[in-house]
């Protein structure tokens, strides 16, 4: 995992804020689609702060539509 994070720092990453009622479902779908999230921090019960690689950021749109986040 540490090596993957280091590679993403070199290639670039995006800080994201996910807001919605189905945060757990969002994380589960990302995991099933092999979208690597790191530095996950939850604020309240409906807000999630995370980092994602630039490549995986493009795939998040379909996950957001499925979960309503």
Protein backbone atom coordinates (compact mmCIF):
# COMPACT_ATOMS: atom_id res chain seq x y z
CA UNK A 1 0.00 0.00 0.00
CA UNK A 2 2.73 2.48 0.85
CA UNK A 3 4.32 1.97 -2.56
CA UNK A 4 0.99 2.63 -4.30
CA UNK A 5 0.53 5.85 -2.32
CA UNK A 6 4.07 6.96 -3.26
CA UNK A 7 3.40 6.31 -6.95
CA UNK A 8 0.16 8.31 -6.74
CA UNK A 9 2.03 11.25 -5.20
CA UNK A 10 4.39 11.22 -8.18
CA UNK A 11 1.68 10.80 -10.84
CA UNK A 12 -0.77 13.14 -9.13
CA UNK A 13 -3.83 12.87 -6.94
CA UNK A 14 -7.06 14.73 -6.25
CA UNK A 15 -8.53 15.65 -2.87
CA UNK A 16 -12.25 14.91 -2.92
CA UNK A 17 -15.18 15.65 -0.63
CA UNK A 18 -18.07 13.20 -0.81
CA UNK A 19 -21.35 14.31 0.71
CA UNK A 20 -24.42 12.12 0.99
CA UNK A 21 -26.27 9.60 3.09
CA UNK A 22 -24.70 6.48 1.55
CA UNK A 23 -21.00 7.00 2.29
CA UNK A 24 -20.43 3.33 3.15
CA UNK A 25 -21.99 2.24 -0.13
CA UNK A 26 -19.76 4.72 -1.98
CA UNK A 27 -16.64 3.20 -0.38
CA UNK A 28 -17.82 -0.36 -1.10
CA UNK A 29 -18.47 0.36 -4.77
CA UNK A 30 -15.07 2.07 -5.10
CA UNK A 31 -13.44 -1.00 -3.58
CA UNK A 32 -15.27 -3.35 -5.94
CA UNK A 33 -14.19 -1.25 -8.96
CA UNK A 34 -10.55 -1.16 -7.70
CA UNK A 35 -10.63 2.60 -7.14
CA UNK A 36 -7.96 3.24 -4.52
CA UNK A 37 -8.94 5.79 -1.84
CA UNK A 38 -6.57 6.87 0.91
CA UNK A 39 -6.44 9.43 3.77
CA UNK A 40 -10.11 8.79 4.48
CA UNK A 41 -11.51 11.16 7.09
CA UNK A 42 -15.15 11.26 8.04
CA UNK A 43 -16.78 14.46 9.26
CA UNK A 44 -20.22 14.06 10.80
CA UNK A 45 -22.13 11.16 9.28
CA UNK A 46 -22.63 12.52 5.78
CA UNK A 47 -19.24 13.98 4.73
CA UNK A 48 -16.11 12.08 3.69
CA UNK A 49 -12.72 13.57 2.80
CA UNK A 50 -10.38 11.38 0.75
CA UNK A 51 -7.65 11.32 -1.87
CA UNK A 52 -7.83 9.49 -5.18
CA UNK A 53 -5.45 9.18 -8.12
CA UNK A 54 -6.05 11.23 -11.24
CA UNK A 55 -6.77 8.11 -13.26
CA UNK A 56 -9.39 6.84 -10.81
CA UNK A 57 -11.00 10.27 -10.44
CA UNK A 58 -12.64 9.91 -13.85
CA UNK A 59 -14.34 6.69 -12.77
CA UNK A 60 -15.94 8.29 -9.70
CA UNK A 61 -18.75 9.89 -11.69
CA UNK A 62 -20.57 6.60 -12.18
CA UNK A 63 -20.10 5.70 -8.50
CA UNK A 64 -21.55 9.05 -7.45
CA UNK A 65 -24.59 8.57 -9.66
CA UNK A 66 -25.26 5.12 -8.19
CA UNK A 67 -25.03 6.30 -4.58
CA UNK A 68 -26.55 9.75 -4.94
CA UNK A 69 -23.47 11.40 -3.41
